[in-house]
Amino acid sequence: MGILPAHLWTTVGNDAFALNQLNLHAVGAGPYQIAGIAIGADGLPSSITLSPFNQYALGAPKLQKVTLDFYPSEDVLKQAYLAGKIDALGAIPRP
């Protein structure tokens, strides 16, 4: 895990960590920066778009855009993958 300032994160519980505003408006020094966050009708992020951080210490990344899409269920994710709407997916846990 990267550097996390204790004075900001100490009061954030495990359940709230992923969708905390500190993550949605993150500050870092990696190869990408958050270019946009699409919020769904449920108030949760439906996608996050990343763009190159050109001052990255190891040089600009090769990909000019990375989009992370979030799906409401495993079935919807599988359907999107099988229909060729996404390039790759993370692990889907077995039941």
PDB file of N, CA and C in Angstrom:
ATOM      1  N   MET A   1       0.846  -1.169   0.000  1.00  0.00           N
ATOM      2  CA  MET A   1       0.000   0.000   0.000  1.00  0.00           C
ATOM      3  C   MET A   1       0.893   1.234   0.000  1.00  0.00           C
ATOM      4  N   GLY A   2       0.405   2.290  -0.606  1.00  0.00           N
ATOM      5  CA  GLY A   2       1.166   3.532  -0.684  1.00  0.00           C
ATOM      6  C   GLY A   2       1.158   4.295   0.629  1.00  0.00           C
ATOM      7  N   ILE A   3       1.568   5.507   0.551  1.00  0.00           N
ATOM      8  CA  ILE A   3       1.639   6.367   1.724  1.00  0.00           C
ATOM      9  C   ILE A   3       0.247   6.915   2.021  1.00  0.00           C
ATOM     10  N   LEU A   4      -0.222   6.701   3.244  1.00  0.00           N
ATOM     11  CA  LEU A   4      -1.533   7.181   3.658  1.00  0.00           C
ATOM     12  C   LEU A   4      -1.360   8.061   4.887  1.00  0.00           C
ATOM     13  N   PRO A   5      -1.756   9.329   4.815  1.00  0.00           N
ATOM     14  CA  PRO A   5      -1.592  10.214   5.970  1.00  0.00           C
ATOM     15  C   PRO A   5      -2.542   9.816   7.106  1.00  0.00           C
ATOM     16  N   ALA A   6      -1.960   9.448   8.233  1.00  0.00           N
ATOM     17  CA  ALA A   6      -2.738   8.957   9.376  1.00  0.00           C
ATOM     18  C   ALA A   6      -3.750   9.985   9.864  1.00  0.00           C
ATOM     19  N   HIS A   7      -3.408  11.264   9.820  1.00  0.00           N
ATOM     20  CA  HIS A   7      -4.332  12.272  10.338  1.00  0.00           C
ATOM     21  C   HIS A   7      -5.618  12.356   9.519  1.00  0.00           C
ATOM     22  N   LEU A   8      -5.617  11.841   8.300  1.00  0.00           N
ATOM     23  CA  LEU A   8      -6.822  11.831   7.471  1.00  0.00           C
ATOM     24  C   LEU A   8      -7.563  10.496   7.527  1.00  0.00           C
ATOM     25  N   TRP A   9      -6.820   9.401   7.617  1.00  0.00           N
ATOM     26  CA  TRP A   9      -7.416   8.082   7.449  1.00  0.00           C
ATOM     27  C   TRP A   9      -7.737   7.353   8.753  1.00  0.00           C
ATOM     28  N   THR A  10      -7.264   7.817   9.875  1.00  0.00           N
ATOM     29  CA  THR A  10      -7.456   7.104  11.136  1.00  0.00           C
ATOM     30  C   THR A  10      -8.919   6.835  11.451  1.00  0.00           C
ATOM     31  N   THR A  11      -9.795   7.748  11.153  1.00  0.00           N
ATOM     32  CA  THR A  11     -11.209   7.594  11.504  1.00  0.00           C
ATOM     33  C   THR A  11     -12.033   6.899  10.431  1.00  0.00           C
ATOM     34  N   VAL A  12     -11.433   6.535   9.309  1.00  0.00           N
ATOM     35  CA  VAL A  12     -12.164   5.879   8.222  1.00  0.00           C
ATOM     36  C   VAL A  12     -12.139   4.371   8.441  1.00  0.00           C
ATOM     37  N   GLY A  13     -13.312   3.773   8.575  1.00  0.00           N
ATOM     38  CA  GLY A  13     -13.414   2.333   8.790  1.00  0.00           C
ATOM     39  C   GLY A  13     -13.191   1.542   7.517  1.00  0.00           C
ATOM     40  N   ASN A  14     -12.965   0.249   7.673  1.00  0.00           N
ATOM     41  CA  ASN A  14     -12.705  -0.629   6.523  1.00  0.00           C
ATOM     42  C   ASN A  14     -13.839  -0.603   5.506  1.00  0.00           C
ATOM     43  N   ASP A  15     -15.074  -0.586   5.989  1.00  0.00           N
ATOM     44  CA  ASP A  15     -16.222  -0.609   5.084  1.00  0.00           C
ATOM     45  C   ASP A  15     -16.336   0.656   4.251  1.00  0.00           C
ATOM     46  N   ALA A  16     -15.851   1.774   4.762  1.00  0.00           N
ATOM     47  CA  ALA A  16     -15.981   3.056   4.071  1.00  0.00           C
ATOM     48  C   ALA A  16     -14.741   3.422   3.264  1.00  0.00           C
ATOM     49  N   PHE A  17     -13.710   2.623   3.348  1.00  0.00           N
ATOM     50  CA  PHE A  17     -12.419   2.968   2.751  1.00  0.00           C
ATOM     51  C   PHE A  17     -12.484   3.165   1.231  1.00  0.00           C
ATOM     52  N   ALA A  18     -13.039   2.197   0.515  1.00  0.00           N
ATOM     53  CA  ALA A  18     -12.997   2.209  -0.958  1.00  0.00           C
ATOM     54  C   ALA A  18     -13.703   3.407  -1.571  1.00  0.00           C
ATOM     55  N   LEU A  19     -14.838   3.805  -1.017  1.00  0.00           N
ATOM     56  CA  LEU A  19     -15.626   4.885  -1.621  1.00  0.00           C
ATOM     57  C   LEU A  19     -15.505   6.199  -0.854  1.00  0.00           C
ATOM     58  N   ASN A  20     -14.516   6.304   0.008  1.00  0.00           N
ATOM     59  CA  ASN A  20     -14.299   7.529   0.757  1.00  0.00           C
ATOM     60  C   ASN A  20     -13.878   8.658  -0.189  1.00  0.00           C
ATOM     61  N   GLN A  21     -14.279   9.875   0.131  1.00  0.00           N
ATOM     62  CA  GLN A  21     -13.928  11.030  -0.706  1.00  0.00           C
ATOM     63  C   GLN A  21     -12.414  11.187  -0.853  1.00  0.00           C
ATOM     64  N   LEU A  22     -11.649  10.739   0.123  1.00  0.00           N
ATOM     65  CA  LEU A  22     -10.192  10.806   0.003  1.00  0.00           C
ATOM     66  C   LEU A  22      -9.679   9.920  -1.129  1.00  0.00           C
ATOM     67  N   ASN A  23     -10.386   8.836  -1.420  1.00  0.00           N
ATOM     68  CA  ASN A  23     -10.022   7.982  -2.554  1.00  0.00           C
ATOM     69  C   ASN A  23     -10.567   8.527  -3.861  1.00  0.00           C
ATOM     70  N   LEU A  24     -11.763   9.086  -3.815  1.00  0.00           N
ATOM     71  CA  LEU A  24     -12.371   9.594  -5.036  1.00  0.00           C
ATOM     72  C   LEU A  24     -11.725  10.891  -5.512  1.00  0.00           C
ATOM     73  N   HIS A  25     -11.035  11.570  -4.639  1.00  0.00           N
ATOM     74  CA  HIS A  25     -10.290  12.796  -4.990  1.00  0.00           C
ATOM     75  C   HIS A  25      -8.849  12.629  -4.528  1.00  0.00           C
ATOM     76  N   ALA A  26      -8.270  11.546  -4.979  1.00  0.00           N
ATOM     77  CA  ALA A  26      -6.950  11.131  -4.504  1.00  0.00           C
ATOM     78  C   ALA A  26      -5.831  12.059  -4.978  1.00  0.00           C
ATOM     79  N   VAL A  27      -4.798  12.107  -4.182  1.00  0.00           N
ATOM     80  CA  VAL A  27      -3.564  12.811  -4.521  1.00  0.00           C
ATOM     81  C   VAL A  27      -2.467  11.762  -4.479  1.00  0.00           C
ATOM     82  N   GLY A  28      -1.649  11.739  -5.495  1.00  0.00           N
ATOM     83  CA  GLY A  28      -0.582  10.746  -5.526  1.00  0.00           C
ATOM     84  C   GLY A  28       0.534  11.182  -6.448  1.00  0.00           C
ATOM     85  N   ALA A  29       1.463  10.273  -6.676  1.00  0.00           N
ATOM     86  CA  ALA A  29       2.615  10.575  -7.516  1.00  0.00           C
ATOM     87  C   ALA A  29       2.858   9.472  -8.532  1.00  0.00           C
ATOM     88  N   GLY A  30       1.812   8.740  -8.894  1.00  0.00           N
ATOM     89  CA  GLY A  30       1.943   7.638  -9.843  1.00  0.00           C
ATOM     90  C   GLY A  30       1.854   8.111 -11.279  1.00  0.00           C
ATOM     91  N   PRO A  31       1.823   7.183 -12.229  1.00  0.00           N
ATOM     92  CA  PRO A  31       1.844   7.518 -13.648  1.00  0.00           C
ATOM     93  C   PRO A  31       0.522   8.069 -14.191  1.00  0.00           C
ATOM     94  N   TYR A  32      -0.570   7.932 -13.420  1.00  0.00           N
ATOM     95  CA  TYR A  32      -1.873   8.421 -13.879  1.00  0.00           C
ATOM     96  C   TYR A  32      -2.510   9.328 -12.844  1.00  0.00           C
ATOM     97  N   GLN A  33      -3.421  10.166 -13.341  1.00  0.00           N
ATOM     98  CA  GLN A  33      -4.220  11.020 -12.475  1.00  0.00           C
ATOM     99  C   GLN A  33      -5.689  10.829 -12.836  1.00  0.00           C
ATOM    100  N   ILE A  34      -6.549  11.092 -11.881  1.00  0.00           N
ATOM    101  CA  ILE A  34      -7.985  10.932 -12.119  1.00  0.00           C
ATOM    102  C   ILE A  34      -8.461  12.069 -13.021  1.00  0.00           C
ATOM    103  N   ALA A  35      -9.002  11.696 -14.181  1.00  0.00           N
ATOM    104  CA  ALA A  35      -9.507  12.693 -15.130  1.00  0.00           C
ATOM    105  C   ALA A  35     -11.010  12.881 -14.972  1.00  0.00           C
ATOM    106  N   GLY A  36     -11.706  11.852 -14.487  1.00  0.00           N
ATOM    107  CA  GLY A  36     -13.145  11.970 -14.316  1.00  0.00           C
ATOM    108  C   GLY A  36     -13.730  10.784 -13.590  1.00  0.00           C
ATOM    109  N   ILE A  37     -14.817  11.039 -12.886  1.00  0.00           N
ATOM    110  CA  ILE A  37     -15.541   9.987 -12.185  1.00  0.00           C
ATOM    111  C   ILE A  37     -17.009  10.113 -12.565  1.00  0.00           C
ATOM    112  N   ALA A  38     -17.565   9.044 -13.135  1.00  0.00           N
ATOM    113  CA  ALA A  38     -18.993   9.013 -13.455  1.00  0.00           C
ATOM    114  C   ALA A  38     -19.715   8.376 -12.281  1.00  0.00           C
ATOM    115  N   ILE A  39     -20.747   9.050 -11.813  1.00  0.00           N
ATOM    116  CA  ILE A  39     -21.529   8.558 -10.679  1.00  0.00           C
ATOM    117  C   ILE A  39     -22.865   8.028 -11.193  1.00  0.00           C
ATOM    118  N   GLY A  40     -23.211   6.811 -10.777  1.00  0.00           N
ATOM    119  CA  GLY A  40     -24.466   6.198 -11.189  1.00  0.00           C
ATOM    120  C   GLY A  40     -25.641   6.711 -10.388  1.00  0.00           C
ATOM    121  N   ALA A  41     -26.837   6.271 -10.764  1.00  0.00           N
ATOM    122  CA  ALA A  41     -28.064   6.689 -10.091  1.00  0.00           C
ATOM    123  C   ALA A  41     -28.072   6.298  -8.614  1.00  0.00           C
ATOM    124  N   ASP A  42     -27.295   5.263  -8.259  1.00  0.00           N
ATOM    125  CA  ASP A  42     -27.231   4.812  -6.870  1.00  0.00           C
ATOM    126  C   ASP A  42     -26.252   5.623  -6.029  1.00  0.00           C
ATOM    127  N   GLY A  43     -25.593   6.614  -6.665  1.00  0.00           N
ATOM    128  CA  GLY A  43     -24.635   7.458  -5.947  1.00  0.00           C
ATOM    129  C   GLY A  43     -23.238   6.882  -5.872  1.00  0.00           C
ATOM    130  N   LEU A  44     -23.036   5.707  -6.460  1.00  0.00           N
ATOM    131  CA  LEU A  44     -21.724   5.066  -6.452  1.00  0.00           C
ATOM    132  C   LEU A  44     -21.027   5.301  -7.784  1.00  0.00           C
ATOM    133  N   PRO A  45     -19.698   5.285  -7.792  1.00  0.00           N
ATOM    134  CA  PRO A  45     -18.982   5.442  -9.063  1.00  0.00           C
ATOM    135  C   PRO A  45     -19.329   4.313 -10.036  1.00  0.00           C
ATOM    136  N   SER A  46     -19.654   4.667 -11.272  1.00  0.00           N
ATOM    137  CA  SER A  46     -19.884   3.658 -12.303  1.00  0.00           C
ATOM    138  C   SER A  46     -18.639   3.510 -13.178  1.00  0.00           C
ATOM    139  N   SER A  47     -17.801   4.556 -13.213  1.00  0.00           N
ATOM    140  CA  SER A  47     -16.518   4.453 -13.913  1.00  0.00           C
ATOM    141  C   SER A  47     -15.576   5.553 -13.437  1.00  0.00           C
ATOM    142  N   ILE A  48     -14.303   5.267 -13.574  1.00  0.00           N
ATOM    143  CA  ILE A  48     -13.251   6.248 -13.279  1.00  0.00           C
ATOM    144  C   ILE A  48     -12.336   6.275 -14.490  1.00  0.00           C
ATOM    145  N   THR A  49     -12.071   7.467 -15.013  1.00  0.00           N
ATOM    146  CA  THR A  49     -11.177   7.625 -16.153  1.00  0.00           C
ATOM    147  C   THR A  49      -9.867   8.230 -15.665  1.00  0.00           C
ATOM    148  N   LEU A  50      -8.773   7.617 -16.096  1.00  0.00           N
ATOM    149  CA  LEU A  50      -7.440   8.082 -15.735  1.00  0.00           C
ATOM    150  C   LEU A  50      -6.744   8.635 -16.964  1.00  0.00           C
ATOM    151  N   SER A  51      -5.950   9.675 -16.768  1.00  0.00           N
ATOM    152  CA  SER A  51      -5.141  10.244 -17.841  1.00  0.00           C
ATOM    153  C   SER A  51      -3.685  10.289 -17.368  1.00  0.00           C
ATOM    154  N   PRO A  52      -2.735  10.381 -18.302  1.00  0.00           N
ATOM    155  CA  PRO A  52      -1.325  10.370 -17.911  1.00  0.00           C
ATOM    156  C   PRO A  52      -0.958  11.553 -17.013  1.00  0.00           C
ATOM    157  N   PHE A  53      -0.121  11.283 -16.030  1.00  0.00           N
ATOM    158  CA  PHE A  53       0.494  12.320 -15.208  1.00  0.00           C
ATOM    159  C   PHE A  53       1.879  12.524 -15.813  1.00  0.00           C
ATOM    160  N   ASN A  54       2.012  13.555 -16.621  1.00  0.00           N
ATOM    161  CA  ASN A  54       3.224  13.738 -17.415  1.00  0.00           C
ATOM    162  C   ASN A  54       4.463  14.084 -16.612  1.00  0.00           C
ATOM    163  N   GLN A  55       4.293  14.477 -15.350  1.00  0.00           N
ATOM    164  CA  GLN A  55       5.458  14.751 -14.507  1.00  0.00           C
ATOM    165  C   GLN A  55       5.864  13.532 -13.675  1.00  0.00           C
ATOM    166  N   TYR A  56       5.313  12.380 -13.989  1.00  0.00           N
ATOM    167  CA  TYR A  56       5.670  11.160 -13.267  1.00  0.00           C
ATOM    168  C   TYR A  56       7.177  10.958 -13.347  1.00  0.00           C
ATOM    169  N   ALA A  57       7.789  10.623 -12.227  1.00  0.00           N
ATOM    170  CA  ALA A  57       9.254  10.527 -12.121  1.00  0.00           C
ATOM    171  C   ALA A  57       9.872   9.539 -13.113  1.00  0.00           C
ATOM    172  N   LEU A  58       9.146   8.493 -13.491  1.00  0.00           N
ATOM    173  CA  LEU A  58       9.699   7.490 -14.407  1.00  0.00           C
ATOM    174  C   LEU A  58       9.265   7.701 -15.851  1.00  0.00           C
ATOM    175  N   GLY A  59       8.715   8.865 -16.148  1.00  0.00           N
ATOM    176  CA  GLY A  59       8.283   9.184 -17.501  1.00  0.00           C
ATOM    177  C   GLY A  59       6.797   8.971 -17.709  1.00  0.00           C
ATOM    178  N   ALA A  60       6.285   9.583 -18.740  1.00  0.00           N
ATOM    179  CA  ALA A  60       4.855   9.491 -19.046  1.00  0.00           C
ATOM    180  C   ALA A  60       4.489   8.058 -19.421  1.00  0.00           C
ATOM    181  N   PRO A  61       3.316   7.585 -19.014  1.00  0.00           N
ATOM    182  CA  PRO A  61       2.900   6.230 -19.367  1.00  0.00           C
ATOM    183  C   PRO A  61       2.548   6.111 -20.843  1.00  0.00           C
ATOM    184  N   LYS A  62       2.554   4.908 -21.343  1.00  0.00           N
ATOM    185  CA  LYS A  62       2.279   4.653 -22.764  1.00  0.00           C
ATOM    186  C   LYS A  62       0.794   4.804 -23.111  1.00  0.00           C
ATOM    187  N   LEU A  63      -0.095   4.371 -22.222  1.00  0.00           N
ATOM    188  CA  LEU A  63      -1.526   4.472 -22.494  1.00  0.00           C
ATOM    189  C   LEU A  63      -2.004   5.892 -22.209  1.00  0.00           C
ATOM    190  N   GLN A  64      -2.736   6.461 -23.138  1.00  0.00           N
ATOM    191  CA  GLN A  64      -3.208   7.832 -22.984  1.00  0.00           C
ATOM    192  C   GLN A  64      -4.522   7.940 -22.215  1.00  0.00           C
ATOM    193  N   LYS A  65      -5.187   6.820 -22.008  1.00  0.00           N
ATOM    194  CA  LYS A  65      -6.448   6.837 -21.277  1.00  0.00           C
ATOM    195  C   LYS A  65      -6.714   5.441 -20.734  1.00  0.00           C
ATOM    196  N   VAL A  66      -7.116   5.379 -19.486  1.00  0.00           N
ATOM    197  CA  VAL A  66      -7.510   4.120 -18.868  1.00  0.00           C
ATOM    198  C   VAL A  66      -8.871   4.370 -18.221  1.00  0.00           C
ATOM    199  N   THR A  67      -9.836   3.521 -18.544  1.00  0.00           N
ATOM    200  CA  THR A  67     -11.160   3.650 -17.951  1.00  0.00           C
ATOM    201  C   THR A  67     -11.459   2.396 -17.148  1.00  0.00           C
ATOM    202  N   LEU A  68     -11.817   2.595 -15.889  1.00  0.00           N
ATOM    203  CA  LEU A  68     -12.196   1.507 -15.002  1.00  0.00           C
ATOM    204  C   LEU A  68     -13.707   1.563 -14.847  1.00  0.00           C
ATOM    205  N   ASP A  69     -14.390   0.560 -15.372  1.00  0.00           N
ATOM    206  CA  ASP A  69     -15.850   0.499 -15.267  1.00  0.00           C
ATOM    207  C   ASP A  69     -16.226  -0.436 -14.122  1.00  0.00           C
ATOM    208  N   PHE A  70     -17.253  -0.058 -13.380  1.00  0.00           N
ATOM    209  CA  PHE A  70     -17.733  -0.859 -12.265  1.00  0.00           C
ATOM    210  C   PHE A  70     -19.138  -1.348 -12.606  1.00  0.00           C
ATOM    211  N   TYR A  71     -19.390  -2.616 -12.342  1.00  0.00           N
ATOM    212  CA  TYR A  71     -20.653  -3.233 -12.717  1.00  0.00           C
ATOM    213  C   TYR A  71     -21.446  -3.619 -11.472  1.00  0.00           C
ATOM    214  N   PRO A  72     -22.777  -3.551 -11.563  1.00  0.00           N
ATOM    215  CA  PRO A  72     -23.606  -3.798 -10.382  1.00  0.00           C
ATOM    216  C   PRO A  72     -23.674  -5.261  -9.951  1.00  0.00           C
ATOM    217  N   SER A  73     -23.289  -6.173 -10.841  1.00  0.00           N
ATOM    218  CA  SER A  73     -23.328  -7.594 -10.482  1.00  0.00           C
ATOM    219  C   SER A  73     -22.345  -8.357 -11.358  1.00  0.00           C
ATOM    220  N   GLU A  74     -22.025  -9.554 -10.914  1.00  0.00           N
ATOM    221  CA  GLU A  74     -21.139 -10.407 -11.698  1.00  0.00           C
ATOM    222  C   GLU A  74     -21.771 -10.776 -13.031  1.00  0.00           C
ATOM    223  N   ASP A  75     -23.066 -10.983 -13.042  1.00  0.00           N
ATOM    224  CA  ASP A  75     -23.746 -11.345 -14.290  1.00  0.00           C
ATOM    225  C   ASP A  75     -23.638 -10.237 -15.332  1.00  0.00           C
ATOM    226  N   VAL A  76     -23.840  -9.003 -14.922  1.00  0.00           N
ATOM    227  CA  VAL A  76     -23.732  -7.873 -15.850  1.00  0.00           C
ATOM    228  C   VAL A  76     -22.293  -7.738 -16.341  1.00  0.00           C
ATOM    229  N   LEU A  77     -21.335  -7.962 -15.462  1.00  0.00           N
ATOM    230  CA  LEU A  77     -19.923  -7.924 -15.841  1.00  0.00           C
ATOM    231  C   LEU A  77     -19.612  -8.998 -16.876  1.00  0.00           C
ATOM    232  N   LYS A  78     -20.052 -10.219 -16.629  1.00  0.00           N
ATOM    233  CA  LYS A  78     -19.804 -11.318 -17.569  1.00  0.00           C
ATOM    234  C   LYS A  78     -20.444 -11.037 -18.921  1.00  0.00           C
ATOM    235  N   GLN A  79     -21.669 -10.518 -18.926  1.00  0.00           N
ATOM    236  CA  GLN A  79     -22.358 -10.198 -20.174  1.00  0.00           C
ATOM    237  C   GLN A  79     -21.575  -9.151 -20.969  1.00  0.00           C
ATOM    238  N   ALA A  80     -21.074  -8.125 -20.294  1.00  0.00           N
ATOM    239  CA  ALA A  80     -20.302  -7.083 -20.981  1.00  0.00           C
ATOM    240  C   ALA A  80     -19.021  -7.657 -21.561  1.00  0.00           C
ATOM    241  N   TYR A  81     -18.376  -8.530 -20.831  1.00  0.00           N
ATOM    242  CA  TYR A  81     -17.135  -9.142 -21.315  1.00  0.00           C
ATOM    243  C   TYR A  81     -17.402 -10.040 -22.521  1.00  0.00           C
ATOM    244  N   LEU A  82     -18.404 -10.900 -22.418  1.00  0.00           N
ATOM    245  CA  LEU A  82     -18.713 -11.819 -23.513  1.00  0.00           C
ATOM    246  C   LEU A  82     -19.201 -11.089 -24.762  1.00  0.00           C
ATOM    247  N   ALA A  83     -19.797  -9.916 -24.595  1.00  0.00           N
ATOM    248  CA  ALA A  83     -20.267  -9.120 -25.727  1.00  0.00           C
ATOM    249  C   ALA A  83     -19.145  -8.271 -26.331  1.00  0.00           C
ATOM    250  N   GLY A  84     -17.944  -8.341 -25.753  1.00  0.00           N
ATOM    251  CA  GLY A  84     -16.813  -7.584 -26.277  1.00  0.00           C
ATOM    252  C   GLY A  84     -16.836  -6.107 -25.920  1.00  0.00           C
ATOM    253  N   LYS A  85     -17.595  -5.738 -24.897  1.00  0.00           N
ATOM    254  CA  LYS A  85     -17.694  -4.329 -24.503  1.00  0.00           C
ATOM    255  C   LYS A  85     -16.542  -3.892 -23.607  1.00  0.00           C
ATOM    256  N   ILE A  86     -15.809  -4.847 -23.064  1.00  0.00           N
ATOM    257  CA  ILE A  86     -14.655  -4.519 -22.221  1.00  0.00           C
ATOM    258  C   ILE A  86     -13.465  -5.366 -22.646  1.00  0.00           C
ATOM    259  N   ASP A  87     -12.277  -4.860 -22.387  1.00  0.00           N
ATOM    260  CA  ASP A  87     -11.050  -5.546 -22.806  1.00  0.00           C
ATOM    261  C   ASP A  87     -10.577  -6.600 -21.813  1.00  0.00           C
ATOM    262  N   ALA A  88     -10.796  -6.338 -20.540  1.00  0.00           N
ATOM    263  CA  ALA A  88     -10.314  -7.246 -19.503  1.00  0.00           C
ATOM    264  C   ALA A  88     -11.168  -7.079 -18.261  1.00  0.00           C
ATOM    265  N   LEU A  89     -11.079  -8.069 -17.385  1.00  0.00           N
ATOM    266  CA  LEU A  89     -11.816  -7.959 -16.129  1.00  0.00           C
ATOM    267  C   LEU A  89     -10.974  -8.543 -15.010  1.00  0.00           C
ATOM    268  N   GLY A  90     -11.283  -8.106 -13.804  1.00  0.00           N
ATOM    269  CA  GLY A  90     -10.602  -8.628 -12.634  1.00  0.00           C
ATOM    270  C   GLY A  90     -11.174  -9.988 -12.268  1.00  0.00           C
ATOM    271  N   ALA A  91     -10.604 -10.576 -11.285  1.00  0.00           N
ATOM    272  CA  ALA A  91     -11.043 -11.897 -10.850  1.00  0.00           C
ATOM    273  C   ALA A  91     -12.469 -11.862 -10.339  1.00  0.00           C
ATOM    274  N   ILE A  92     -13.225 -12.858 -10.719  1.00  0.00           N
ATOM    275  CA  ILE A  92     -14.573 -13.039 -10.200  1.00  0.00           C
ATOM    276  C   ILE A  92     -14.497 -14.217  -9.238  1.00  0.00           C
ATOM    277  N   PRO A  93     -14.794 -13.976  -7.960  1.00  0.00           N
ATOM    278  CA  PRO A  93     -14.673 -15.079  -6.992  1.00  0.00           C
ATOM    279  C   PRO A  93     -15.650 -16.208  -7.293  1.00  0.00           C
ATOM    280  N   ARG A  94     -15.212 -17.405  -7.074  1.00  0.00           N
ATOM    281  CA  ARG A  94     -16.088 -18.575  -7.252  1.00  0.00           C
ATOM    282  C   ARG A  94     -17.032 -18.664  -6.061  1.00  0.00           C
ATOM    283  N   PRO A  95     -18.262 -19.121  -6.323  1.00  0.00           N
ATOM    284  CA  PRO A  95     -19.220 -19.249  -5.202  1.00  0.00           C
ATOM    285  C   PRO A  95     -18.793 -20.300  -4.207  1.00  0.00           C
TER     286      PRO A  95
END
